[in-house]
Amino acid sequence: VSRNGMVFMSSSALDWRPILQGWLTCKVRDKFITQMESEMFLELFDGSFSSLYNYANSNLSAKMTILECNYIVQACDLLEGLIPLSGKEENQSLERKYLEHLYIFVVMWSIG
């Protein structure tokens, strides 16, 4: 803890999952997404994000080094811009296939 009360957390001690969970929790609370959409996104990220990140780090050559936490923040920012605000009623979730397509697009552009 610093003198001004900020808590420093090393990127080696914190992986991408708490960042994504925090983002999803805020978006459900703000009614940007439904709880069901949140659970589907968490399931999609849990299913392949770590493997894709590890593959990209070990087999691809990046132009600059980026921490794992930055990749997930990029993915969340992209999702926020791509999830439609209109066209669905209150508490109506988007179709799983649509969320899967969003996930693939977001991972492709955040990880590479």
PDB file of N, CA and C in Angstrom:
ATOM      1  N   VAL A   1       0.856  -1.180   0.000  1.00  0.00           N
ATOM      2  CA  VAL A   1       0.000   0.000   0.000  1.00  0.00           C
ATOM      3  C   VAL A   1       0.897   1.236   0.000  1.00  0.00           C
ATOM      4  N   SER A   2       0.576   2.176  -0.870  1.00  0.00           N
ATOM      5  CA  SER A   2       1.391   3.383  -0.958  1.00  0.00           C
ATOM      6  C   SER A   2       0.945   4.407   0.087  1.00  0.00           C
ATOM      7  N   ARG A   3       1.655   5.527   0.153  1.00  0.00           N
ATOM      8  CA  ARG A   3       1.328   6.568   1.126  1.00  0.00           C
ATOM      9  C   ARG A   3      -0.035   7.203   0.880  1.00  0.00           C
ATOM     10  N   ASN A   4      -0.489   7.204  -0.367  1.00  0.00           N
ATOM     11  CA  ASN A   4      -1.807   7.807  -0.637  1.00  0.00           C
ATOM     12  C   ASN A   4      -2.937   6.781  -0.623  1.00  0.00           C
ATOM     13  N   GLY A   5      -2.643   5.585  -0.159  1.00  0.00           N
ATOM     14  CA  GLY A   5      -3.695   4.593   0.044  1.00  0.00           C
ATOM     15  C   GLY A   5      -3.979   3.710  -1.157  1.00  0.00           C
ATOM     16  N   MET A   6      -3.210   3.821  -2.217  1.00  0.00           N
ATOM     17  CA  MET A   6      -3.418   2.977  -3.390  1.00  0.00           C
ATOM     18  C   MET A   6      -2.793   1.609  -3.158  1.00  0.00           C
ATOM     19  N   VAL A   7      -3.455   0.578  -3.635  1.00  0.00           N
ATOM     20  CA  VAL A   7      -2.940  -0.774  -3.519  1.00  0.00           C
ATOM     21  C   VAL A   7      -2.302  -1.148  -4.850  1.00  0.00           C
ATOM     22  N   PHE A   8      -1.047  -1.564  -4.808  1.00  0.00           N
ATOM     23  CA  PHE A   8      -0.355  -1.996  -6.013  1.00  0.00           C
ATOM     24  C   PHE A   8      -0.435  -3.501  -6.103  1.00  0.00           C
ATOM     25  N   MET A   9      -0.825  -3.990  -7.276  1.00  0.00           N
ATOM     26  CA  MET A   9      -0.897  -5.426  -7.502  1.00  0.00           C
ATOM     27  C   MET A   9      -0.060  -5.738  -8.730  1.00  0.00           C
ATOM     28  N   SER A  10       0.916  -6.590  -8.583  1.00  0.00           N
ATOM     29  CA  SER A  10       1.771  -6.977  -9.697  1.00  0.00           C
ATOM     30  C   SER A  10       0.978  -7.764 -10.727  1.00  0.00           C
ATOM     31  N   SER A  11       1.308  -7.573 -11.993  1.00  0.00           N
ATOM     32  CA  SER A  11       0.611  -8.304 -13.055  1.00  0.00           C
ATOM     33  C   SER A  11       0.893  -9.798 -12.974  1.00  0.00           C
ATOM     34  N   SER A  12       1.983 -10.173 -12.326  1.00  0.00           N
ATOM     35  CA  SER A  12       2.280 -11.600 -12.179  1.00  0.00           C
ATOM     36  C   SER A  12       1.391 -12.252 -11.117  1.00  0.00           C
ATOM     37  N   ALA A  13       0.818 -11.471 -10.233  1.00  0.00           N
ATOM     38  CA  ALA A  13      -0.048 -12.011  -9.184  1.00  0.00           C
ATOM     39  C   ALA A  13      -1.527 -11.986  -9.578  1.00  0.00           C
ATOM     40  N   LEU A  14      -1.850 -11.266 -10.623  1.00  0.00           N
ATOM     41  CA  LEU A  14      -3.251 -11.100 -11.028  1.00  0.00           C
ATOM     42  C   LEU A  14      -3.373 -11.467 -12.490  1.00  0.00           C
ATOM     43  N   ASP A  15      -4.162 -12.494 -12.793  1.00  0.00           N
ATOM     44  CA  ASP A  15      -4.338 -12.845 -14.197  1.00  0.00           C
ATOM     45  C   ASP A  15      -5.548 -12.106 -14.777  1.00  0.00           C
ATOM     46  N   TRP A  16      -6.005 -12.504 -15.922  1.00  0.00           N
ATOM     47  CA  TRP A  16      -7.054 -11.793 -16.648  1.00  0.00           C
ATOM     48  C   TRP A  16      -8.451 -12.011 -16.067  1.00  0.00           C
ATOM     49  N   ARG A  17      -8.682 -13.115 -15.392  1.00  0.00           N
ATOM     50  CA  ARG A  17     -10.036 -13.493 -14.944  1.00  0.00           C
ATOM     51  C   ARG A  17     -10.689 -12.470 -14.000  1.00  0.00           C
ATOM     52  N   PRO A  18     -10.012 -11.968 -12.960  1.00  0.00           N
ATOM     53  CA  PRO A  18     -10.655 -10.976 -12.088  1.00  0.00           C
ATOM     54  C   PRO A  18     -10.997  -9.671 -12.820  1.00  0.00           C
ATOM     55  N   ILE A  19     -10.191  -9.304 -13.801  1.00  0.00           N
ATOM     56  CA  ILE A  19     -10.483  -8.089 -14.574  1.00  0.00           C
ATOM     57  C   ILE A  19     -11.756  -8.288 -15.373  1.00  0.00           C
ATOM     58  N   LEU A  20     -11.868  -9.430 -16.042  1.00  0.00           N
ATOM     59  CA  LEU A  20     -13.078  -9.728 -16.816  1.00  0.00           C
ATOM     60  C   LEU A  20     -14.292  -9.839 -15.903  1.00  0.00           C
ATOM     61  N   GLN A  21     -14.152 -10.541 -14.784  1.00  0.00           N
ATOM     62  CA  GLN A  21     -15.282 -10.692 -13.861  1.00  0.00           C
ATOM     63  C   GLN A  21     -15.749  -9.341 -13.330  1.00  0.00           C
ATOM     64  N   GLY A  22     -14.819  -8.457 -13.011  1.00  0.00           N
ATOM     65  CA  GLY A  22     -15.182  -7.123 -12.545  1.00  0.00           C
ATOM     66  C   GLY A  22     -15.911  -6.333 -13.613  1.00  0.00           C
ATOM     67  N   TRP A  23     -15.436  -6.416 -14.856  1.00  0.00           N
ATOM     68  CA  TRP A  23     -16.077  -5.717 -15.960  1.00  0.00           C
ATOM     69  C   TRP A  23     -17.492  -6.242 -16.185  1.00  0.00           C
ATOM     70  N   LEU A  24     -17.634  -7.586 -16.194  1.00  0.00           N
ATOM     71  CA  LEU A  24     -18.949  -8.185 -16.394  1.00  0.00           C
ATOM     72  C   LEU A  24     -19.911  -7.811 -15.268  1.00  0.00           C
ATOM     73  N   THR A  25     -19.442  -7.817 -14.030  1.00  0.00           N
ATOM     74  CA  THR A  25     -20.275  -7.452 -12.880  1.00  0.00           C
ATOM     75  C   THR A  25     -20.786  -6.018 -13.017  1.00  0.00           C
ATOM     76  N   CYS A  26     -19.906  -5.111 -13.407  1.00  0.00           N
ATOM     77  CA  CYS A  26     -20.312  -3.703 -13.595  1.00  0.00           C
ATOM     78  C   CYS A  26     -21.333  -3.566 -14.712  1.00  0.00           C
ATOM     79  N   LYS A  27     -21.146  -4.306 -15.793  1.00  0.00           N
ATOM     80  CA  LYS A  27     -22.062  -4.200 -16.933  1.00  0.00           C
ATOM     81  C   LYS A  27     -23.430  -4.794 -16.619  1.00  0.00           C
ATOM     82  N   VAL A  28     -23.474  -5.835 -15.801  1.00  0.00           N
ATOM     83  CA  VAL A  28     -24.765  -6.393 -15.369  1.00  0.00           C
ATOM     84  C   VAL A  28     -25.456  -5.413 -14.435  1.00  0.00           C
ATOM     85  N   ARG A  29     -24.693  -4.846 -13.509  1.00  0.00           N
ATOM     86  CA  ARG A  29     -25.261  -3.870 -12.566  1.00  0.00           C
ATOM     87  C   ARG A  29     -25.820  -2.655 -13.300  1.00  0.00           C
ATOM     88  N   ASP A  30     -25.122  -2.206 -14.349  1.00  0.00           N
ATOM     89  CA  ASP A  30     -25.565  -1.048 -15.125  1.00  0.00           C
ATOM     90  C   ASP A  30     -26.623  -1.393 -16.165  1.00  0.00           C
ATOM     91  N   LYS A  31     -27.021  -2.674 -16.212  1.00  0.00           N
ATOM     92  CA  LYS A  31     -28.022  -3.183 -17.149  1.00  0.00           C
ATOM     93  C   LYS A  31     -27.594  -3.032 -18.611  1.00  0.00           C
ATOM     94  N   PHE A  32     -26.283  -3.052 -18.839  1.00  0.00           N
ATOM     95  CA  PHE A  32     -25.728  -3.026 -20.191  1.00  0.00           C
ATOM     96  C   PHE A  32     -25.838  -4.410 -20.821  1.00  0.00           C
ATOM     97  N   ILE A  33     -25.631  -5.452 -19.982  1.00  0.00           N
ATOM     98  CA  ILE A  33     -25.820  -6.844 -20.396  1.00  0.00           C
ATOM     99  C   ILE A  33     -26.635  -7.552 -19.321  1.00  0.00           C
ATOM    100  N   THR A  34     -27.188  -8.709 -19.683  1.00  0.00           N
ATOM    101  CA  THR A  34     -27.951  -9.496 -18.711  1.00  0.00           C
ATOM    102  C   THR A  34     -27.011 -10.443 -17.965  1.00  0.00           C
ATOM    103  N   GLN A  35     -27.505 -11.004 -16.892  1.00  0.00           N
ATOM    104  CA  GLN A  35     -26.721 -11.983 -16.127  1.00  0.00           C
ATOM    105  C   GLN A  35     -26.403 -13.191 -16.994  1.00  0.00           C
ATOM    106  N   MET A  36     -27.352 -13.597 -17.830  1.00  0.00           N
ATOM    107  CA  MET A  36     -27.134 -14.747 -18.707  1.00  0.00           C
ATOM    108  C   MET A  36     -26.032 -14.457 -19.738  1.00  0.00           C
ATOM    109  N   GLU A  37     -26.013 -13.248 -20.279  1.00  0.00           N
ATOM    110  CA  GLU A  37     -24.953 -12.872 -21.217  1.00  0.00           C
ATOM    111  C   GLU A  37     -23.600 -12.850 -20.512  1.00  0.00           C
ATOM    112  N   SER A  38     -23.588 -12.357 -19.289  1.00  0.00           N
ATOM    113  CA  SER A  38     -22.364 -12.329 -18.499  1.00  0.00           C
ATOM    114  C   SER A  38     -21.809 -13.736 -18.298  1.00  0.00           C
ATOM    115  N   GLU A  39     -22.679 -14.655 -17.949  1.00  0.00           N
ATOM    116  CA  GLU A  39     -22.262 -16.041 -17.733  1.00  0.00           C
ATOM    117  C   GLU A  39     -21.760 -16.679 -19.021  1.00  0.00           C
ATOM    118  N   MET A  40     -22.428 -16.359 -20.153  1.00  0.00           N
ATOM    119  CA  MET A  40     -21.984 -16.903 -21.432  1.00  0.00           C
ATOM    120  C   MET A  40     -20.611 -16.367 -21.821  1.00  0.00           C
ATOM    121  N   PHE A  41     -20.384 -15.052 -21.624  1.00  0.00           N
ATOM    122  CA  PHE A  41     -19.077 -14.483 -21.930  1.00  0.00           C
ATOM    123  C   PHE A  41     -17.998 -15.093 -21.045  1.00  0.00           C
ATOM    124  N   LEU A  42     -18.290 -15.263 -19.768  1.00  0.00           N
ATOM    125  CA  LEU A  42     -17.308 -15.856 -18.853  1.00  0.00           C
ATOM    126  C   LEU A  42     -16.973 -17.284 -19.285  1.00  0.00           C
ATOM    127  N   GLU A  43     -17.975 -18.033 -19.691  1.00  0.00           N
ATOM    128  CA  GLU A  43     -17.761 -19.394 -20.167  1.00  0.00           C
ATOM    129  C   GLU A  43     -16.906 -19.400 -21.443  1.00  0.00           C
ATOM    130  N   LEU A  44     -17.180 -18.476 -22.356  1.00  0.00           N
ATOM    131  CA  LEU A  44     -16.405 -18.400 -23.597  1.00  0.00           C
ATOM    132  C   LEU A  44     -14.948 -18.041 -23.317  1.00  0.00           C
ATOM    133  N   PHE A  45     -14.724 -17.041 -22.476  1.00  0.00           N
ATOM    134  CA  PHE A  45     -13.352 -16.643 -22.143  1.00  0.00           C
ATOM    135  C   PHE A  45     -12.637 -17.755 -21.385  1.00  0.00           C
ATOM    136  N   ASP A  46     -13.326 -18.391 -20.440  1.00  0.00           N
ATOM    137  CA  ASP A  46     -12.714 -19.494 -19.683  1.00  0.00           C
ATOM    138  C   ASP A  46     -12.316 -20.644 -20.605  1.00  0.00           C
ATOM    139  N   GLY A  47     -13.095 -20.838 -21.655  1.00  0.00           N
ATOM    140  CA  GLY A  47     -12.861 -21.961 -22.555  1.00  0.00           C
ATOM    141  C   GLY A  47     -11.616 -21.851 -23.411  1.00  0.00           C
ATOM    142  N   SER A  48     -11.209 -20.622 -23.753  1.00  0.00           N
ATOM    143  CA  SER A  48     -10.098 -20.552 -24.699  1.00  0.00           C
ATOM    144  C   SER A  48      -9.149 -19.366 -24.549  1.00  0.00           C
ATOM    145  N   PHE A  49      -9.474 -18.376 -23.750  1.00  0.00           N
ATOM    146  CA  PHE A  49      -8.632 -17.178 -23.710  1.00  0.00           C
ATOM    147  C   PHE A  49      -7.204 -17.484 -23.257  1.00  0.00           C
ATOM    148  N   SER A  50      -7.038 -18.275 -22.214  1.00  0.00           N
ATOM    149  CA  SER A  50      -5.690 -18.606 -21.718  1.00  0.00           C
ATOM    150  C   SER A  50      -4.877 -19.339 -22.771  1.00  0.00           C
ATOM    151  N   SER A  51      -5.493 -20.292 -23.444  1.00  0.00           N
ATOM    152  CA  SER A  51      -4.790 -21.055 -24.475  1.00  0.00           C
ATOM    153  C   SER A  51      -4.388 -20.156 -25.637  1.00  0.00           C
ATOM    154  N   LEU A  52      -5.288 -19.275 -26.056  1.00  0.00           N
ATOM    155  CA  LEU A  52      -4.982 -18.359 -27.150  1.00  0.00           C
ATOM    156  C   LEU A  52      -3.879 -17.383 -26.767  1.00  0.00           C
ATOM    157  N   TYR A  53      -3.947 -16.873 -25.548  1.00  0.00           N
ATOM    158  CA  TYR A  53      -2.917 -15.951 -25.064  1.00  0.00           C
ATOM    159  C   TYR A  53      -1.555 -16.640 -25.011  1.00  0.00           C
ATOM    160  N   ASN A  54      -1.528 -17.863 -24.470  1.00  0.00           N
ATOM    161  CA  ASN A  54      -0.272 -18.615 -24.385  1.00  0.00           C
ATOM    162  C   ASN A  54       0.281 -18.937 -25.771  1.00  0.00           C
ATOM    163  N   TYR A  55      -0.595 -19.295 -26.685  1.00  0.00           N
ATOM    164  CA  TYR A  55      -0.158 -19.578 -28.053  1.00  0.00           C
ATOM    165  C   TYR A  55       0.456 -18.329 -28.685  1.00  0.00           C
ATOM    166  N   ALA A  56      -0.242 -17.199 -28.544  1.00  0.00           N
ATOM    167  CA  ALA A  56       0.244 -15.948 -29.131  1.00  0.00           C
ATOM    168  C   ALA A  56       1.605 -15.562 -28.539  1.00  0.00           C
ATOM    169  N   ASN A  57       1.763 -15.737 -27.244  1.00  0.00           N
ATOM    170  CA  ASN A  57       3.037 -15.385 -26.591  1.00  0.00           C
ATOM    171  C   ASN A  57       4.190 -16.288 -27.002  1.00  0.00           C
ATOM    172  N   SER A  58       3.908 -17.554 -27.218  1.00  0.00           N
ATOM    173  CA  SER A  58       4.999 -18.485 -27.513  1.00  0.00           C
ATOM    174  C   SER A  58       5.265 -18.663 -29.008  1.00  0.00           C
ATOM    175  N   ASN A  59       4.285 -18.409 -29.876  1.00  0.00           N
ATOM    176  CA  ASN A  59       4.459 -18.702 -31.295  1.00  0.00           C
ATOM    177  C   ASN A  59       4.420 -17.491 -32.221  1.00  0.00           C
ATOM    178  N   LEU A  60       3.990 -16.363 -31.736  1.00  0.00           N
ATOM    179  CA  LEU A  60       3.907 -15.171 -32.570  1.00  0.00           C
ATOM    180  C   LEU A  60       4.903 -14.132 -32.078  1.00  0.00           C
ATOM    181  N   SER A  61       5.354 -13.288 -32.962  1.00  0.00           N
ATOM    182  CA  SER A  61       6.287 -12.239 -32.537  1.00  0.00           C
ATOM    183  C   SER A  61       5.549 -10.895 -32.547  1.00  0.00           C
ATOM    184  N   ALA A  62       5.333 -10.367 -31.375  1.00  0.00           N
ATOM    185  CA  ALA A  62       4.632  -9.090 -31.233  1.00  0.00           C
ATOM    186  C   ALA A  62       5.602  -7.942 -31.472  1.00  0.00           C
ATOM    187  N   LYS A  63       5.082  -6.840 -31.961  1.00  0.00           N
ATOM    188  CA  LYS A  63       5.914  -5.657 -32.197  1.00  0.00           C
ATOM    189  C   LYS A  63       6.343  -5.002 -30.885  1.00  0.00           C
ATOM    190  N   MET A  64       5.507  -5.161 -29.847  1.00  0.00           N
ATOM    191  CA  MET A  64       5.866  -4.659 -28.526  1.00  0.00           C
ATOM    192  C   MET A  64       5.250  -5.559 -27.470  1.00  0.00           C
ATOM    193  N   THR A  65       5.878  -5.626 -26.319  1.00  0.00           N
ATOM    194  CA  THR A  65       5.407  -6.479 -25.232  1.00  0.00           C
ATOM    195  C   THR A  65       4.205  -5.830 -24.546  1.00  0.00           C
ATOM    196  N   ILE A  66       3.154  -6.615 -24.407  1.00  0.00           N
ATOM    197  CA  ILE A  66       1.946  -6.151 -23.725  1.00  0.00           C
ATOM    198  C   ILE A  66       1.607  -7.162 -22.637  1.00  0.00           C
ATOM    199  N   LEU A  67       1.243  -6.678 -21.469  1.00  0.00           N
ATOM    200  CA  LEU A  67       0.882  -7.562 -20.359  1.00  0.00           C
ATOM    201  C   LEU A  67      -0.459  -8.226 -20.615  1.00  0.00           C
ATOM    202  N   GLU A  68      -0.657  -9.372 -19.988  1.00  0.00           N
ATOM    203  CA  GLU A  68      -1.898 -10.126 -20.123  1.00  0.00           C
ATOM    204  C   GLU A  68      -3.116  -9.278 -19.739  1.00  0.00           C
ATOM    205  N   CYS A  69      -2.969  -8.454 -18.705  1.00  0.00           N
ATOM    206  CA  CYS A  69      -4.088  -7.631 -18.255  1.00  0.00           C
ATOM    207  C   CYS A  69      -4.499  -6.631 -19.340  1.00  0.00           C
ATOM    208  N   ASN A  70      -3.557  -6.163 -20.162  1.00  0.00           N
ATOM    209  CA  ASN A  70      -3.887  -5.238 -21.232  1.00  0.00           C
ATOM    210  C   ASN A  70      -4.688  -5.905 -22.346  1.00  0.00           C
ATOM    211  N   TYR A  71      -4.393  -7.170 -22.608  1.00  0.00           N
ATOM    212  CA  TYR A  71      -5.159  -7.897 -23.629  1.00  0.00           C
ATOM    213  C   TYR A  71      -6.622  -8.023 -23.227  1.00  0.00           C
ATOM    214  N   ILE A  72      -6.878  -8.331 -21.961  1.00  0.00           N
ATOM    215  CA  ILE A  72      -8.264  -8.518 -21.535  1.00  0.00           C
ATOM    216  C   ILE A  72      -8.992  -7.173 -21.470  1.00  0.00           C
ATOM    217  N   VAL A  73      -8.293  -6.111 -21.116  1.00  0.00           N
ATOM    218  CA  VAL A  73      -8.907  -4.782 -21.116  1.00  0.00           C
ATOM    219  C   VAL A  73      -9.273  -4.388 -22.545  1.00  0.00           C
ATOM    220  N   GLN A  74      -8.393  -4.681 -23.500  1.00  0.00           N
ATOM    221  CA  GLN A  74      -8.713  -4.417 -24.904  1.00  0.00           C
ATOM    222  C   GLN A  74      -9.949  -5.191 -25.330  1.00  0.00           C
ATOM    223  N   ALA A  75     -10.025  -6.458 -24.923  1.00  0.00           N
ATOM    224  CA  ALA A  75     -11.178  -7.285 -25.275  1.00  0.00           C
ATOM    225  C   ALA A  75     -12.465  -6.709 -24.677  1.00  0.00           C
ATOM    226  N   CYS A  76     -12.414  -6.276 -23.429  1.00  0.00           N
ATOM    227  CA  CYS A  76     -13.595  -5.677 -22.785  1.00  0.00           C
ATOM    228  C   CYS A  76     -14.003  -4.383 -23.472  1.00  0.00           C
ATOM    229  N   ASP A  77     -13.030  -3.552 -23.836  1.00  0.00           N
ATOM    230  CA  ASP A  77     -13.337  -2.300 -24.530  1.00  0.00           C
ATOM    231  C   ASP A  77     -13.991  -2.568 -25.881  1.00  0.00           C
ATOM    232  N   LEU A  78     -13.482  -3.561 -26.594  1.00  0.00           N
ATOM    233  CA  LEU A  78     -14.087  -3.919 -27.875  1.00  0.00           C
ATOM    234  C   LEU A  78     -15.504  -4.445 -27.687  1.00  0.00           C
ATOM    235  N   LEU A  79     -15.701  -5.291 -26.683  1.00  0.00           N
ATOM    236  CA  LEU A  79     -17.049  -5.814 -26.412  1.00  0.00           C
ATOM    237  C   LEU A  79     -18.021  -4.686 -26.108  1.00  0.00           C
ATOM    238  N   GLU A  80     -17.566  -3.736 -25.319  1.00  0.00           N
ATOM    239  CA  GLU A  80     -18.435  -2.616 -24.948  1.00  0.00           C
ATOM    240  C   GLU A  80     -18.881  -1.837 -26.189  1.00  0.00           C
ATOM    241  N   GLY A  81     -18.017  -1.735 -27.164  1.00  0.00           N
ATOM    242  CA  GLY A  81     -18.377  -1.029 -28.378  1.00  0.00           C
ATOM    243  C   GLY A  81     -19.215  -1.844 -29.338  1.00  0.00           C
ATOM    244  N   LEU A  82     -19.173  -3.168 -29.232  1.00  0.00           N
ATOM    245  CA  LEU A  82     -19.867  -4.024 -30.188  1.00  0.00           C
ATOM    246  C   LEU A  82     -21.211  -4.566 -29.709  1.00  0.00           C
ATOM    247  N   ILE A  83     -21.423  -4.626 -28.415  1.00  0.00           N
ATOM    248  CA  ILE A  83     -22.704  -5.140 -27.902  1.00  0.00           C
ATOM    249  C   ILE A  83     -23.785  -4.115 -28.211  1.00  0.00           C
ATOM    250  N   PRO A  84     -24.827  -4.532 -28.916  1.00  0.00           N
ATOM    251  CA  PRO A  84     -25.877  -3.565 -29.285  1.00  0.00           C
ATOM    252  C   PRO A  84     -26.667  -3.076 -28.074  1.00  0.00           C
ATOM    253  N   LEU A  85     -26.911  -1.770 -28.041  1.00  0.00           N
ATOM    254  CA  LEU A  85     -27.694  -1.178 -26.951  1.00  0.00           C
ATOM    255  C   LEU A  85     -29.182  -1.235 -27.241  1.00  0.00           C
ATOM    256  N   SER A  86     -29.526  -1.180 -28.500  1.00  0.00           N
ATOM    257  CA  SER A  86     -30.947  -1.182 -28.865  1.00  0.00           C
ATOM    258  C   SER A  86     -31.281  -2.489 -29.573  1.00  0.00           C
ATOM    259  N   GLY A  87     -32.558  -2.729 -29.743  1.00  0.00           N
ATOM    260  CA  GLY A  87     -32.995  -3.920 -30.447  1.00  0.00           C
ATOM    261  C   GLY A  87     -33.295  -5.099 -29.555  1.00  0.00           C
ATOM    262  N   LYS A  88     -33.137  -4.938 -28.249  1.00  0.00           N
ATOM    263  CA  LYS A  88     -33.526  -6.014 -27.344  1.00  0.00           C
ATOM    264  C   LYS A  88     -34.316  -5.421 -26.191  1.00  0.00           C
ATOM    265  N   GLU A  89     -35.263  -6.197 -25.725  1.00  0.00           N
ATOM    266  CA  GLU A  89     -36.122  -5.730 -24.639  1.00  0.00           C
ATOM    267  C   GLU A  89     -35.420  -5.919 -23.300  1.00  0.00           C
ATOM    268  N   GLU A  90     -35.980  -5.302 -22.271  1.00  0.00           N
ATOM    269  CA  GLU A  90     -35.453  -5.417 -20.902  1.00  0.00           C
ATOM    270  C   GLU A  90     -35.320  -6.882 -20.511  1.00  0.00           C
ATOM    271  N   ASN A  91     -34.169  -7.260 -19.986  1.00  0.00           N
ATOM    272  CA  ASN A  91     -33.856  -8.620 -19.513  1.00  0.00           C
ATOM    273  C   ASN A  91     -33.895  -9.670 -20.614  1.00  0.00           C
ATOM    274  N   GLN A  92     -33.836  -9.264 -21.866  1.00  0.00           N
ATOM    275  CA  GLN A  92     -33.775 -10.204 -22.975  1.00  0.00           C
ATOM    276  C   GLN A  92     -32.317 -10.362 -23.381  1.00  0.00           C
ATOM    277  N   SER A  93     -31.841 -11.590 -23.402  1.00  0.00           N
ATOM    278  CA  SER A  93     -30.446 -11.855 -23.736  1.00  0.00           C
ATOM    279  C   SER A  93     -30.272 -12.030 -25.233  1.00  0.00           C
ATOM    280  N   LEU A  94     -29.078 -11.682 -25.700  1.00  0.00           N
ATOM    281  CA  LEU A  94     -28.727 -11.932 -27.090  1.00  0.00           C
ATOM    282  C   LEU A  94     -28.504 -13.429 -27.281  1.00  0.00           C
ATOM    283  N   GLU A  95     -28.640 -13.896 -28.508  1.00  0.00           N
ATOM    284  CA  GLU A  95     -28.461 -15.316 -28.787  1.00  0.00           C
ATOM    285  C   GLU A  95     -27.012 -15.729 -28.550  1.00  0.00           C
ATOM    286  N   ARG A  96     -26.844 -16.962 -28.111  1.00  0.00           N
ATOM    287  CA  ARG A  96     -25.498 -17.476 -27.818  1.00  0.00           C
ATOM    288  C   ARG A  96     -24.606 -17.414 -29.052  1.00  0.00           C
ATOM    289  N   LYS A  97     -25.149 -17.763 -30.211  1.00  0.00           N
ATOM    290  CA  LYS A  97     -24.355 -17.755 -31.445  1.00  0.00           C
ATOM    291  C   LYS A  97     -23.824 -16.353 -31.730  1.00  0.00           C
ATOM    292  N   TYR A  98     -24.641 -15.331 -31.484  1.00  0.00           N
ATOM    293  CA  TYR A  98     -24.212 -13.950 -31.691  1.00  0.00           C
ATOM    294  C   TYR A  98     -23.085 -13.586 -30.726  1.00  0.00           C
ATOM    295  N   LEU A  99     -23.215 -13.994 -29.467  1.00  0.00           N
ATOM    296  CA  LEU A  99     -22.173 -13.725 -28.468  1.00  0.00           C
ATOM    297  C   LEU A  99     -20.880 -14.469 -28.807  1.00  0.00           C
ATOM    298  N   GLU A 100     -21.003 -15.674 -29.353  1.00  0.00           N
ATOM    299  CA  GLU A 100     -19.817 -16.423 -29.770  1.00  0.00           C
ATOM    300  C   GLU A 100     -19.090 -15.687 -30.895  1.00  0.00           C
ATOM    301  N   HIS A 101     -19.857 -15.138 -31.838  1.00  0.00           N
ATOM    302  CA  HIS A 101     -19.253 -14.381 -32.939  1.00  0.00           C
ATOM    303  C   HIS A 101     -18.561 -13.126 -32.409  1.00  0.00           C
ATOM    304  N   LEU A 102     -19.204 -12.439 -31.468  1.00  0.00           N
ATOM    305  CA  LEU A 102     -18.572 -11.276 -30.846  1.00  0.00           C
ATOM    306  C   LEU A 102     -17.275 -11.672 -30.159  1.00  0.00           C
ATOM    307  N   TYR A 103     -17.303 -12.777 -29.430  1.00  0.00           N
ATOM    308  CA  TYR A 103     -16.120 -13.252 -28.713  1.00  0.00           C
ATOM    309  C   TYR A 103     -14.970 -13.524 -29.686  1.00  0.00           C
ATOM    310  N   ILE A 104     -15.250 -14.224 -30.765  1.00  0.00           N
ATOM    311  CA  ILE A 104     -14.206 -14.544 -31.746  1.00  0.00           C
ATOM    312  C   ILE A 104     -13.615 -13.255 -32.329  1.00  0.00           C
ATOM    313  N   PHE A 105     -14.454 -12.322 -32.691  1.00  0.00           N
ATOM    314  CA  PHE A 105     -13.988 -11.044 -33.242  1.00  0.00           C
ATOM    315  C   PHE A 105     -13.119 -10.289 -32.243  1.00  0.00           C
ATOM    316  N   VAL A 106     -13.579 -10.237 -31.007  1.00  0.00           N
ATOM    317  CA  VAL A 106     -12.873  -9.504 -29.955  1.00  0.00           C
ATOM    318  C   VAL A 106     -11.515 -10.128 -29.643  1.00  0.00           C
ATOM    319  N   VAL A 107     -11.466 -11.443 -29.552  1.00  0.00           N
ATOM    320  CA  VAL A 107     -10.199 -12.126 -29.267  1.00  0.00           C
ATOM    321  C   VAL A 107      -9.238 -11.957 -30.439  1.00  0.00           C
ATOM    322  N   MET A 108      -9.777 -12.023 -31.657  1.00  0.00           N
ATOM    323  CA  MET A 108      -8.939 -11.864 -32.839  1.00  0.00           C
ATOM    324  C   MET A 108      -8.264 -10.481 -32.844  1.00  0.00           C
ATOM    325  N   TRP A 109      -9.002  -9.446 -32.459  1.00  0.00           N
ATOM    326  CA  TRP A 109      -8.447  -8.105 -32.509  1.00  0.00           C
ATOM    327  C   TRP A 109      -7.711  -7.697 -31.238  1.00  0.00           C
ATOM    328  N   SER A 110      -7.941  -8.375 -30.134  1.00  0.00           N
ATOM    329  CA  SER A 110      -7.208  -8.003 -28.917  1.00  0.00           C
ATOM    330  C   SER A 110      -5.901  -8.788 -28.786  1.00  0.00           C
ATOM    331  N   ILE A 111      -5.932 -10.069 -29.080  1.00  0.00           N
ATOM    332  CA  ILE A 111      -4.723 -10.894 -28.968  1.00  0.00           C
ATOM    333  C   ILE A 111      -3.930 -10.858 -30.274  1.00  0.00           C
ATOM    334  N   GLY A 112      -4.636 -10.918 -31.384  1.00  0.00           N
ATOM    335  CA  GLY A 112      -3.932 -10.846 -32.668  1.00  0.00           C
ATOM    336  C   GLY A 112      -4.176 -11.983 -33.503  1.00  0.00           C
TER     337      GLY A 112
END
